[in-house]
Amino acid sequence: MLLTPNKIYEDFRNNNLDKTTASKLLISLIDNSKNDVIRVNCVEIIEKIGHKDQKIFKFLENLLISYANKQVRLAAINVIKSNFLNKALPPMIWAIQNESSIHCLKVINSALIRIIESLVNSYLIFAILF
């Protein structure tokens, strides 16, 4: 049977795969596929699975920093923004300085705004409590 991102997600949803196994399979598909549509789909499913492991973050960060296809980079930006906001500042700063795609830059900008809002809210909560 052909392994596809949707099949991996279906197996995860049916409790046939845990987050770690599903994420490893998706990363393997990204690494071994020559089709960027499949790669984007894999990244989007990693976001749906919600696996917030350091290895996943590093993998997505690497896609953001070094991958040639802007759709794959954009997908990585979105997952980092959604699932790793507390770790997103350094790669987003790098990306805003080095990214050439206007669409990616807009999403990076929105991620930076969310990071700043999160930091301000954390500071306000801390100030109220202490």
Foldseek 3Di string as FASTA:
>chain_A
DDDALVVLLVCCVVVVDALVVSLVVLVVCLVPDPDVVRNLSSLQSNLVNLDQDPVSLVSLLCCLVDPDDVSNNQSSLVSCLRRPLVPPVVSLVVCCVPPDDPVSNVSSVVSVVVSVVVVVVVVVVVVVVD
